[in-house]
mmCIF file of all heavy atoms, coordinates in Angstrom:
data_MODEL
# 
_entry.id   MODEL 
# 
loop_
_atom_site.group_PDB 
_atom_site.id 
_atom_site.type_symbol 
_atom_site.label_atom_id 
_atom_site.label_alt_id 
_atom_site.label_comp_id 
_atom_site.label_asym_id 
_atom_site.label_entity_id 
_atom_site.label_seq_id 
_atom_site.pdbx_PDB_ins_code 
_atom_site.Cartn_x 
_atom_site.Cartn_y 
_atom_site.Cartn_z 
_atom_site.occupancy 
_atom_site.B_iso_or_equiv 
_atom_site.pdbx_formal_charge 
_atom_site.auth_seq_id 
_atom_site.auth_comp_id 
_atom_site.auth_asym_id 
_atom_site.auth_atom_id 
_atom_site.pdbx_PDB_model_num 
ATOM 1   N N   . PRO A 1 1  ? -4.687  4.854   -1.853 1.00 0.00 ? 1  PRO A N   1 
ATOM 2   C CA  . PRO A 1 1  ? -4.777  6.342   -2.034 1.00 0.00 ? 1  PRO A CA  1 
ATOM 3   C C   . PRO A 1 1  ? -3.695  7.147   -1.693 1.00 0.00 ? 1  PRO A C   1 
ATOM 4   O O   . PRO A 1 1  ? -3.519  8.327   -2.235 1.00 0.00 ? 1  PRO A O   1 
ATOM 5   C CB  . PRO A 1 1  ? -6.087  6.674   -1.183 1.00 0.00 ? 1  PRO A CB  1 
ATOM 6   C CG  . PRO A 1 1  ? -6.520  5.427   -0.471 1.00 0.00 ? 1  PRO A CG  1 
ATOM 7   C CD  . PRO A 1 1  ? -5.557  4.332   -0.911 1.00 0.00 ? 1  PRO A CD  1 
ATOM 8   N N   . GLY A 1 2  ? -2.929  6.725   -0.766 1.00 0.00 ? 2  GLY A N   1 
ATOM 9   C CA  . GLY A 1 2  ? -1.685  7.601   -0.381 1.00 0.00 ? 2  GLY A CA  1 
ATOM 10  C C   . GLY A 1 2  ? -0.436  7.354   -1.207 1.00 0.00 ? 2  GLY A C   1 
ATOM 11  O O   . GLY A 1 2  ? 0.356   8.261   -1.242 1.00 0.00 ? 2  GLY A O   1 
ATOM 12  N N   . GLU A 1 3  ? -0.402  6.123   -1.949 1.00 0.00 ? 3  GLU A N   1 
ATOM 13  C CA  . GLU A 1 3  ? 0.725   5.906   -2.792 1.00 0.00 ? 3  GLU A CA  1 
ATOM 14  C C   . GLU A 1 3  ? 1.142   7.115   -3.803 1.00 0.00 ? 3  GLU A C   1 
ATOM 15  O O   . GLU A 1 3  ? 2.344   7.382   -3.881 1.00 0.00 ? 3  GLU A O   1 
ATOM 16  C CB  . GLU A 1 3  ? 0.713   4.732   -3.434 1.00 0.00 ? 3  GLU A CB  1 
ATOM 17  C CG  . GLU A 1 3  ? 1.946   4.201   -4.188 1.00 0.00 ? 3  GLU A CG  1 
ATOM 18  C CD  . GLU A 1 3  ? 1.878   2.829   -4.828 1.00 0.00 ? 3  GLU A CD  1 
ATOM 19  O OE1 . GLU A 1 3  ? 1.509   1.893   -4.178 1.00 0.00 ? 3  GLU A OE1 1 
ATOM 20  O OE2 . GLU A 1 3  ? 1.886   2.732   -6.041 1.00 0.00 ? 3  GLU A OE2 1 
ATOM 21  N N   . PRO A 1 4  ? 0.149   7.755   -4.458 1.00 0.00 ? 4  PRO A N   1 
ATOM 22  C CA  . PRO A 1 4  ? 0.521   8.809   -5.503 1.00 0.00 ? 4  PRO A CA  1 
ATOM 23  C C   . PRO A 1 4  ? 1.219   9.948   -4.869 1.00 0.00 ? 4  PRO A C   1 
ATOM 24  O O   . PRO A 1 4  ? 2.194   10.504  -5.259 1.00 0.00 ? 4  PRO A O   1 
ATOM 25  C CB  . PRO A 1 4  ? -0.799  9.107   -6.032 1.00 0.00 ? 4  PRO A CB  1 
ATOM 26  C CG  . PRO A 1 4  ? -1.599  7.931   -5.911 1.00 0.00 ? 4  PRO A CG  1 
ATOM 27  C CD  . PRO A 1 4  ? -1.228  7.298   -4.566 1.00 0.00 ? 4  PRO A CD  1 
ATOM 28  N N   . LEU A 1 5  ? 0.877   10.330  -3.669 1.00 0.00 ? 5  LEU A N   1 
ATOM 29  C CA  . LEU A 1 5  ? 1.429   11.366  -2.824 1.00 0.00 ? 5  LEU A CA  1 
ATOM 30  C C   . LEU A 1 5  ? 2.873   10.998  -2.606 1.00 0.00 ? 5  LEU A C   1 
ATOM 31  O O   . LEU A 1 5  ? 3.717   11.820  -2.809 1.00 0.00 ? 5  LEU A O   1 
ATOM 32  C CB  . LEU A 1 5  ? 0.842   11.743  -1.574 1.00 0.00 ? 5  LEU A CB  1 
ATOM 33  C CG  . LEU A 1 5  ? 1.518   12.623  -0.532 1.00 0.00 ? 5  LEU A CG  1 
ATOM 34  C CD1 . LEU A 1 5  ? 1.649   13.986  -1.089 1.00 0.00 ? 5  LEU A CD1 1 
ATOM 35  C CD2 . LEU A 1 5  ? 0.955   12.565  0.795  1.00 0.00 ? 5  LEU A CD2 1 
ATOM 36  N N   . TYR A 1 6  ? 3.065   9.864   -2.028 1.00 0.00 ? 6  TYR A N   1 
ATOM 37  C CA  . TYR A 1 6  ? 4.470   9.454   -1.653 1.00 0.00 ? 6  TYR A CA  1 
ATOM 38  C C   . TYR A 1 6  ? 5.374   9.404   -2.892 1.00 0.00 ? 6  TYR A C   1 
ATOM 39  O O   . TYR A 1 6  ? 6.504   9.722   -2.915 1.00 0.00 ? 6  TYR A O   1 
ATOM 40  C CB  . TYR A 1 6  ? 4.364   8.186   -0.887 1.00 0.00 ? 6  TYR A CB  1 
ATOM 41  C CG  . TYR A 1 6  ? 3.688   8.353   0.465  1.00 0.00 ? 6  TYR A CG  1 
ATOM 42  C CD1 . TYR A 1 6  ? 2.612   7.592   0.770  1.00 0.00 ? 6  TYR A CD1 1 
ATOM 43  C CD2 . TYR A 1 6  ? 4.066   9.426   1.302  1.00 0.00 ? 6  TYR A CD2 1 
ATOM 44  C CE1 . TYR A 1 6  ? 1.708   7.832   1.919  1.00 0.00 ? 6  TYR A CE1 1 
ATOM 45  C CE2 . TYR A 1 6  ? 3.258   9.594   2.570  1.00 0.00 ? 6  TYR A CE2 1 
ATOM 46  C CZ  . TYR A 1 6  ? 2.225   8.760   2.781  1.00 0.00 ? 6  TYR A CZ  1 
ATOM 47  O OH  . TYR A 1 6  ? 1.460   8.887   3.973  1.00 0.00 ? 6  TYR A OH  1 
ATOM 48  N N   . LEU A 1 7  ? 4.855   8.790   -4.019 1.00 0.00 ? 7  LEU A N   1 
ATOM 49  C CA  . LEU A 1 7  ? 5.687   8.751   -5.138 1.00 0.00 ? 7  LEU A CA  1 
ATOM 50  C C   . LEU A 1 7  ? 5.957   10.157  -5.606 1.00 0.00 ? 7  LEU A C   1 
ATOM 51  O O   . LEU A 1 7  ? 7.223   10.343  -5.939 1.00 0.00 ? 7  LEU A O   1 
ATOM 52  C CB  . LEU A 1 7  ? 4.818   7.990   -6.282 1.00 0.00 ? 7  LEU A CB  1 
ATOM 53  C CG  . LEU A 1 7  ? 4.709   6.448   -6.220 1.00 0.00 ? 7  LEU A CG  1 
ATOM 54  C CD1 . LEU A 1 7  ? 3.834   6.018   -7.188 1.00 0.00 ? 7  LEU A CD1 1 
ATOM 55  C CD2 . LEU A 1 7  ? 6.104   5.733   -6.268 1.00 0.00 ? 7  LEU A CD2 1 
ATOM 56  N N   . ALA A 1 8  ? 5.087   10.976  -5.581 1.00 0.00 ? 8  ALA A N   1 
ATOM 57  C CA  . ALA A 1 8  ? 5.377   12.458  -6.003 1.00 0.00 ? 8  ALA A CA  1 
ATOM 58  C C   . ALA A 1 8  ? 6.388   13.200  -5.166 1.00 0.00 ? 8  ALA A C   1 
ATOM 59  O O   . ALA A 1 8  ? 7.051   14.004  -5.634 1.00 0.00 ? 8  ALA A O   1 
ATOM 60  C CB  . ALA A 1 8  ? 4.007   13.309  -6.026 1.00 0.00 ? 8  ALA A CB  1 
ATOM 61  N N   . CYS A 1 9  ? 6.519   12.656  -3.872 1.00 0.00 ? 9  CYS A N   1 
ATOM 62  C CA  . CYS A 1 9  ? 7.472   13.216  -2.928 1.00 0.00 ? 9  CYS A CA  1 
ATOM 63  C C   . CYS A 1 9  ? 8.790   12.562  -2.891 1.00 0.00 ? 9  CYS A C   1 
ATOM 64  O O   . CYS A 1 9  ? 9.545   12.706  -1.920 1.00 0.00 ? 9  CYS A O   1 
ATOM 65  C CB  . CYS A 1 9  ? 6.726   13.210  -1.535 1.00 0.00 ? 9  CYS A CB  1 
ATOM 66  S SG  . CYS A 1 9  ? 5.342   14.522  -1.473 1.00 0.00 ? 9  CYS A SG  1 
ATOM 67  N N   . GLY A 1 10 ? 9.116   11.663  -3.792 1.00 0.00 ? 10 GLY A N   1 
ATOM 68  C CA  . GLY A 1 10 ? 10.356  11.036  -3.889 1.00 0.00 ? 10 GLY A CA  1 
ATOM 69  C C   . GLY A 1 10 ? 10.488  9.673   -3.253 1.00 0.00 ? 10 GLY A C   1 
ATOM 70  O O   . GLY A 1 10 ? 11.530  9.073   -3.281 1.00 0.00 ? 10 GLY A O   1 
ATOM 71  N N   . PHE A 1 11 ? 9.340   9.078   -2.794 1.00 0.00 ? 11 PHE A N   1 
ATOM 72  C CA  . PHE A 1 11 ? 9.450   7.712   -2.284 1.00 0.00 ? 11 PHE A CA  1 
ATOM 73  C C   . PHE A 1 11 ? 9.329   6.695   -3.319 1.00 0.00 ? 11 PHE A C   1 
ATOM 74  O O   . PHE A 1 11 ? 8.959   6.991   -4.345 1.00 0.00 ? 11 PHE A O   1 
ATOM 75  C CB  . PHE A 1 11 ? 8.249   7.479   -1.348 1.00 0.00 ? 11 PHE A CB  1 
ATOM 76  C CG  . PHE A 1 11 ? 8.428   8.060   0.065  1.00 0.00 ? 11 PHE A CG  1 
ATOM 77  C CD1 . PHE A 1 11 ? 8.106   9.429   0.299  1.00 0.00 ? 11 PHE A CD1 1 
ATOM 78  C CD2 . PHE A 1 11 ? 8.887   7.336   1.210  1.00 0.00 ? 11 PHE A CD2 1 
ATOM 79  C CE1 . PHE A 1 11 ? 8.245   10.022  1.605  1.00 0.00 ? 11 PHE A CE1 1 
ATOM 80  C CE2 . PHE A 1 11 ? 9.081   7.866   2.409  1.00 0.00 ? 11 PHE A CE2 1 
ATOM 81  C CZ  . PHE A 1 11 ? 8.688   9.269   2.561  1.00 0.00 ? 11 PHE A CZ  1 
ATOM 82  N N   . GLN A 1 12 ? 9.953   5.540   -3.159 1.00 0.00 ? 12 GLN A N   1 
ATOM 83  C CA  . GLN A 1 12 ? 9.889   4.391   -4.034 1.00 0.00 ? 12 GLN A CA  1 
ATOM 84  C C   . GLN A 1 12 ? 9.385   3.295   -3.498 1.00 0.00 ? 12 GLN A C   1 
ATOM 85  O O   . GLN A 1 12 ? 9.650   2.930   -2.342 1.00 0.00 ? 12 GLN A O   1 
ATOM 86  C CB  . GLN A 1 12 ? 11.360  4.111   -4.658 1.00 0.00 ? 12 GLN A CB  1 
ATOM 87  C CG  . GLN A 1 12 ? 11.913  5.217   -5.413 1.00 0.00 ? 12 GLN A CG  1 
ATOM 88  C CD  . GLN A 1 12 ? 13.287  4.972   -5.999 1.00 0.00 ? 12 GLN A CD  1 
ATOM 89  O OE1 . GLN A 1 12 ? 13.861  4.188   -5.525 1.00 0.00 ? 12 GLN A OE1 1 
ATOM 90  N NE2 . GLN A 1 12 ? 13.604  5.674   -7.034 1.00 0.00 ? 12 GLN A NE2 1 
ATOM 91  N N   . VAL A 1 13 ? 8.519   2.442   -4.203 1.00 0.00 ? 13 VAL A N   1 
ATOM 92  C CA  . VAL A 1 13 ? 7.956   1.169   -3.757 1.00 0.00 ? 13 VAL A CA  1 
ATOM 93  C C   . VAL A 1 13 ? 9.000   0.218   -3.796 1.00 0.00 ? 13 VAL A C   1 
ATOM 94  O O   . VAL A 1 13 ? 9.763   -0.066  -4.766 1.00 0.00 ? 13 VAL A O   1 
ATOM 95  C CB  . VAL A 1 13 ? 6.815   0.742   -4.612 1.00 0.00 ? 13 VAL A CB  1 
ATOM 96  C CG1 . VAL A 1 13 ? 6.364   -0.599  -4.198 1.00 0.00 ? 13 VAL A CG1 1 
ATOM 97  C CG2 . VAL A 1 13 ? 5.574   1.787   -4.646 1.00 0.00 ? 13 VAL A CG2 1 
ATOM 98  N N   . PHE A 1 14 ? 9.332   -0.538  -2.667 1.00 0.00 ? 14 PHE A N   1 
ATOM 99  C CA  . PHE A 1 14 ? 10.223  -1.636  -2.671 1.00 0.00 ? 14 PHE A CA  1 
ATOM 100 C C   . PHE A 1 14 ? 9.516   -2.974  -2.338 1.00 0.00 ? 14 PHE A C   1 
ATOM 101 O O   . PHE A 1 14 ? 10.187  -4.111  -2.477 1.00 0.00 ? 14 PHE A O   1 
ATOM 102 C CB  . PHE A 1 14 ? 11.488  -1.393  -1.830 1.00 0.00 ? 14 PHE A CB  1 
ATOM 103 C CG  . PHE A 1 14 ? 11.290  -1.341  -0.354 1.00 0.00 ? 14 PHE A CG  1 
ATOM 104 C CD1 . PHE A 1 14 ? 11.526  -2.556  0.487  1.00 0.00 ? 14 PHE A CD1 1 
ATOM 105 C CD2 . PHE A 1 14 ? 10.922  -0.220  0.327  1.00 0.00 ? 14 PHE A CD2 1 
ATOM 106 C CE1 . PHE A 1 14 ? 11.210  -2.604  1.765  1.00 0.00 ? 14 PHE A CE1 1 
ATOM 107 C CE2 . PHE A 1 14 ? 10.628  -0.261  1.753  1.00 0.00 ? 14 PHE A CE2 1 
ATOM 108 C CZ  . PHE A 1 14 ? 11.013  -1.309  2.373  1.00 0.00 ? 14 PHE A CZ  1 
ATOM 109 N N   . GLU A 1 15 ? 8.312   -2.900  -1.840 1.00 0.00 ? 15 GLU A N   1 
ATOM 110 C CA  . GLU A 1 15 ? 7.686   -4.273  -1.590 1.00 0.00 ? 15 GLU A CA  1 
ATOM 111 C C   . GLU A 1 15 ? 6.121   -3.891  -1.717 1.00 0.00 ? 15 GLU A C   1 
ATOM 112 O O   . GLU A 1 15 ? 5.619   -2.917  -1.074 1.00 0.00 ? 15 GLU A O   1 
ATOM 113 C CB  . GLU A 1 15 ? 7.964   -4.702  -0.178 1.00 0.00 ? 15 GLU A CB  1 
ATOM 114 C CG  . GLU A 1 15 ? 7.177   -6.009  0.222  1.00 0.00 ? 15 GLU A CG  1 
ATOM 115 C CD  . GLU A 1 15 ? 7.463   -6.310  1.593  1.00 0.00 ? 15 GLU A CD  1 
ATOM 116 O OE1 . GLU A 1 15 ? 8.094   -5.605  2.365  1.00 0.00 ? 15 GLU A OE1 1 
ATOM 117 O OE2 . GLU A 1 15 ? 6.928   -7.515  1.971  1.00 0.00 ? 15 GLU A OE2 1 
ATOM 118 N N   . ARG A 1 16 ? 5.370   -4.723  -2.437 1.00 0.00 ? 16 ARG A N   1 
ATOM 119 C CA  . ARG A 1 16 ? 3.841   -4.770  -2.320 1.00 0.00 ? 16 ARG A CA  1 
ATOM 120 C C   . ARG A 1 16 ? 3.453   -5.882  -1.530 1.00 0.00 ? 16 ARG A C   1 
ATOM 121 O O   . ARG A 1 16 ? 4.084   -6.933  -1.640 1.00 0.00 ? 16 ARG A O   1 
ATOM 122 C CB  . ARG A 1 16 ? 3.326   -4.853  -3.810 1.00 0.00 ? 16 ARG A CB  1 
ATOM 123 C CG  . ARG A 1 16 ? 3.644   -3.542  -4.571 1.00 0.00 ? 16 ARG A CG  1 
ATOM 124 C CD  . ARG A 1 16 ? 2.743   -3.278  -5.767 1.00 0.00 ? 16 ARG A CD  1 
ATOM 125 N NE  . ARG A 1 16 ? 3.179   -2.224  -6.564 1.00 0.00 ? 16 ARG A NE  1 
ATOM 126 C CZ  . ARG A 1 16 ? 2.932   -0.973  -6.310 1.00 0.00 ? 16 ARG A CZ  1 
ATOM 127 N NH1 . ARG A 1 16 ? 2.156   -0.563  -5.255 1.00 0.00 ? 16 ARG A NH1 1 
ATOM 128 N NH2 . ARG A 1 16 ? 3.341   0.001   -7.171 1.00 0.00 ? 16 ARG A NH2 1 
ATOM 129 N N   . PHE A 1 17 ? 2.547   -5.669  -0.566 1.00 0.00 ? 17 PHE A N   1 
ATOM 130 C CA  . PHE A 1 17 ? 2.001   -6.774  0.233  1.00 0.00 ? 17 PHE A CA  1 
ATOM 131 C C   . PHE A 1 17 ? 0.498   -6.580  0.566  1.00 0.00 ? 17 PHE A C   1 
ATOM 132 O O   . PHE A 1 17 ? -0.042  -5.496  0.143  1.00 0.00 ? 17 PHE A O   1 
ATOM 133 C CB  . PHE A 1 17 ? 2.773   -6.977  1.503  1.00 0.00 ? 17 PHE A CB  1 
ATOM 134 C CG  . PHE A 1 17 ? 2.733   -5.696  2.428  1.00 0.00 ? 17 PHE A CG  1 
ATOM 135 C CD1 . PHE A 1 17 ? 1.872   -5.771  3.512  1.00 0.00 ? 17 PHE A CD1 1 
ATOM 136 C CD2 . PHE A 1 17 ? 3.438   -4.547  2.166  1.00 0.00 ? 17 PHE A CD2 1 
ATOM 137 C CE1 . PHE A 1 17 ? 1.821   -4.667  4.455  1.00 0.00 ? 17 PHE A CE1 1 
ATOM 138 C CE2 . PHE A 1 17 ? 3.376   -3.536  3.002  1.00 0.00 ? 17 PHE A CE2 1 
ATOM 139 C CZ  . PHE A 1 17 ? 2.506   -3.495  4.138  1.00 0.00 ? 17 PHE A CZ  1 
ATOM 140 N N   . GLN A 1 18 ? 0.007   -7.642  0.992  1.00 0.00 ? 18 GLN A N   1 
ATOM 141 C CA  . GLN A 1 18 ? -1.507  -7.579  1.416  1.00 0.00 ? 18 GLN A CA  1 
ATOM 142 C C   . GLN A 1 18 ? -1.628  -7.843  2.907  1.00 0.00 ? 18 GLN A C   1 
ATOM 143 O O   . GLN A 1 18 ? -0.781  -8.538  3.449  1.00 0.00 ? 18 GLN A O   1 
ATOM 144 C CB  . GLN A 1 18 ? -2.232  -8.627  0.669  1.00 0.00 ? 18 GLN A CB  1 
ATOM 145 C CG  . GLN A 1 18 ? -2.271  -8.449  -0.821 1.00 0.00 ? 18 GLN A CG  1 
ATOM 146 C CD  . GLN A 1 18 ? -2.959  -9.532  -1.613 1.00 0.00 ? 18 GLN A CD  1 
ATOM 147 O OE1 . GLN A 1 18 ? -3.551  -10.291 -0.979 1.00 0.00 ? 18 GLN A OE1 1 
ATOM 148 N NE2 . GLN A 1 18 ? -3.042  -9.468  -2.856 1.00 0.00 ? 18 GLN A NE2 1 
ATOM 149 N N   . ILE A 1 19 ? -2.600  -7.300  3.479  1.00 0.00 ? 19 ILE A N   1 
ATOM 150 C CA  . ILE A 1 19 ? -2.888  -7.747  4.882  1.00 0.00 ? 19 ILE A CA  1 
ATOM 151 C C   . ILE A 1 19 ? -4.230  -8.354  4.973  1.00 0.00 ? 19 ILE A C   1 
ATOM 152 O O   . ILE A 1 19 ? -5.103  -8.016  4.183  1.00 0.00 ? 19 ILE A O   1 
ATOM 153 C CB  . ILE A 1 19 ? -2.701  -6.349  5.838  1.00 0.00 ? 19 ILE A CB  1 
ATOM 154 C CG1 . ILE A 1 19 ? -3.671  -5.258  5.458  1.00 0.00 ? 19 ILE A CG1 1 
ATOM 155 C CG2 . ILE A 1 19 ? -1.479  -5.938  5.954  1.00 0.00 ? 19 ILE A CG2 1 
ATOM 156 C CD1 . ILE A 1 19 ? -3.703  -4.153  6.510  1.00 0.00 ? 19 ILE A CD1 1 
ATOM 157 N N   . ASP A 1 20 ? -4.341  -9.474  5.755  1.00 0.00 ? 20 ASP A N   1 
ATOM 158 C CA  . ASP A 1 20 ? -5.500  -10.102 5.873  1.00 0.00 ? 20 ASP A CA  1 
ATOM 159 C C   . ASP A 1 20 ? -6.279  -9.547  7.087  1.00 0.00 ? 20 ASP A C   1 
ATOM 160 O O   . ASP A 1 20 ? -5.677  -9.471  8.307  1.00 0.00 ? 20 ASP A O   1 
ATOM 161 C CB  . ASP A 1 20 ? -5.301  -11.707 6.151  1.00 0.00 ? 20 ASP A CB  1 
ATOM 162 C CG  . ASP A 1 20 ? -4.514  -12.341 5.099  1.00 0.00 ? 20 ASP A CG  1 
ATOM 163 O OD1 . ASP A 1 20 ? -4.982  -11.994 3.780  1.00 0.00 ? 20 ASP A OD1 1 
ATOM 164 O OD2 . ASP A 1 20 ? -3.592  -13.137 5.231  1.00 0.00 ? 20 ASP A OD2 1 
ATOM 165 N N   . LEU A 1 21 ? -7.564  -9.269  6.910  1.00 0.00 ? 21 LEU A N   1 
ATOM 166 C CA  . LEU A 1 21 ? -8.281  -8.544  7.904  1.00 0.00 ? 21 LEU A CA  1 
ATOM 167 C C   . LEU A 1 21 ? -9.479  -9.389  8.252  1.00 0.00 ? 21 LEU A C   1 
ATOM 168 O O   . LEU A 1 21 ? -9.868  -10.230 7.468  1.00 0.00 ? 21 LEU A O   1 
ATOM 169 C CB  . LEU A 1 21 ? -8.785  -7.166  7.365  1.00 0.00 ? 21 LEU A CB  1 
ATOM 170 C CG  . LEU A 1 21 ? -7.722  -6.182  7.005  1.00 0.00 ? 21 LEU A CG  1 
ATOM 171 C CD1 . LEU A 1 21 ? -8.176  -5.031  6.161  1.00 0.00 ? 21 LEU A CD1 1 
ATOM 172 C CD2 . LEU A 1 21 ? -7.036  -5.722  8.323  1.00 0.00 ? 21 LEU A CD2 1 
ATOM 173 N N   . PRO A 1 22 ? -10.123 -9.302  9.340  1.00 0.00 ? 22 PRO A N   1 
ATOM 174 C CA  . PRO A 1 22 ? -11.151 -10.139 9.818  1.00 0.00 ? 22 PRO A CA  1 
ATOM 175 C C   . PRO A 1 22 ? -12.377 -10.090 8.712  1.00 0.00 ? 22 PRO A C   1 
ATOM 176 O O   . PRO A 1 22 ? -12.415 -9.070  7.878  1.00 0.00 ? 22 PRO A O   1 
ATOM 177 C CB  . PRO A 1 22 ? -11.777 -9.424  11.057 1.00 0.00 ? 22 PRO A CB  1 
ATOM 178 C CG  . PRO A 1 22 ? -10.436 -8.957  11.712 1.00 0.00 ? 22 PRO A CG  1 
ATOM 179 C CD  . PRO A 1 22 ? -9.707  -8.381  10.431 1.00 0.00 ? 22 PRO A CD  1 
ATOM 180 N N   . GLY A 1 23 ? -13.017 -11.154 8.589  1.00 0.00 ? 23 GLY A N   1 
ATOM 181 C CA  . GLY A 1 23 ? -14.243 -11.242 7.600  1.00 0.00 ? 23 GLY A CA  1 
ATOM 182 C C   . GLY A 1 23 ? -13.646 -11.594 6.351  1.00 0.00 ? 23 GLY A C   1 
ATOM 183 O O   . GLY A 1 23 ? -14.405 -11.614 5.381  1.00 0.00 ? 23 GLY A O   1 
ATOM 184 N N   . GLY A 1 24 ? -12.407 -12.097 6.106  1.00 0.00 ? 24 GLY A N   1 
ATOM 185 C CA  . GLY A 1 24 ? -11.993 -12.656 4.919  1.00 0.00 ? 24 GLY A CA  1 
ATOM 186 C C   . GLY A 1 24 ? -11.585 -11.422 4.093  1.00 0.00 ? 24 GLY A C   1 
ATOM 187 O O   . GLY A 1 24 ? -11.326 -11.650 2.809  1.00 0.00 ? 24 GLY A O   1 
ATOM 188 N N   . VAL A 1 25 ? -11.401 -10.197 4.498  1.00 0.00 ? 25 VAL A N   1 
ATOM 189 C CA  . VAL A 1 25 ? -11.111 -9.028  3.745  1.00 0.00 ? 25 VAL A CA  1 
ATOM 190 C C   . VAL A 1 25 ? -9.526  -9.040  3.578  1.00 0.00 ? 25 VAL A C   1 
ATOM 191 O O   . VAL A 1 25 ? -8.818  -9.147  4.491  1.00 0.00 ? 25 VAL A O   1 
ATOM 192 C CB  . VAL A 1 25 ? -11.609 -7.855  4.396  1.00 0.00 ? 25 VAL A CB  1 
ATOM 193 C CG1 . VAL A 1 25 ? -11.091 -6.445  3.566  1.00 0.00 ? 25 VAL A CG1 1 
ATOM 194 C CG2 . VAL A 1 25 ? -13.154 -7.853  4.414  1.00 0.00 ? 25 VAL A CG2 1 
ATOM 195 N N   . ILE A 1 26 ? -9.056  -8.823  2.301  1.00 0.00 ? 26 ILE A N   1 
ATOM 196 C CA  . ILE A 1 26 ? -7.735  -8.610  2.020  1.00 0.00 ? 26 ILE A CA  1 
ATOM 197 C C   . ILE A 1 26 ? -7.500  -7.269  1.485  1.00 0.00 ? 26 ILE A C   1 
ATOM 198 O O   . ILE A 1 26 ? -8.235  -6.804  0.505  1.00 0.00 ? 26 ILE A O   1 
ATOM 199 C CB  . ILE A 1 26 ? -7.147  -9.724  1.032  1.00 0.00 ? 26 ILE A CB  1 
ATOM 200 C CG1 . ILE A 1 26 ? -7.356  -11.035 1.671  1.00 0.00 ? 26 ILE A CG1 1 
ATOM 201 C CG2 . ILE A 1 26 ? -5.643  -9.452  0.591  1.00 0.00 ? 26 ILE A CG2 1 
ATOM 202 C CD1 . ILE A 1 26 ? -7.055  -12.300 0.679  1.00 0.00 ? 26 ILE A CD1 1 
ATOM 203 N N   . ALA A 1 27 ? -6.480  -6.482  1.865  1.00 0.00 ? 27 ALA A N   1 
ATOM 204 C CA  . ALA A 1 27 ? -6.211  -5.113  1.387  1.00 0.00 ? 27 ALA A CA  1 
ATOM 205 C C   . ALA A 1 27 ? -4.752  -5.008  0.926  1.00 0.00 ? 27 ALA A C   1 
ATOM 206 O O   . ALA A 1 27 ? -3.824  -5.362  1.832  1.00 0.00 ? 27 ALA A O   1 
ATOM 207 C CB  . ALA A 1 27 ? -6.595  -4.120  2.525  1.00 0.00 ? 27 ALA A CB  1 
# 
């Protein structure tokens, strides 16, 4: 949800990643 704000403010994505959370949840 935050990525659109940062893109609009001049940030650029240089890496997409996932974090493994308890309960087998990946975000």
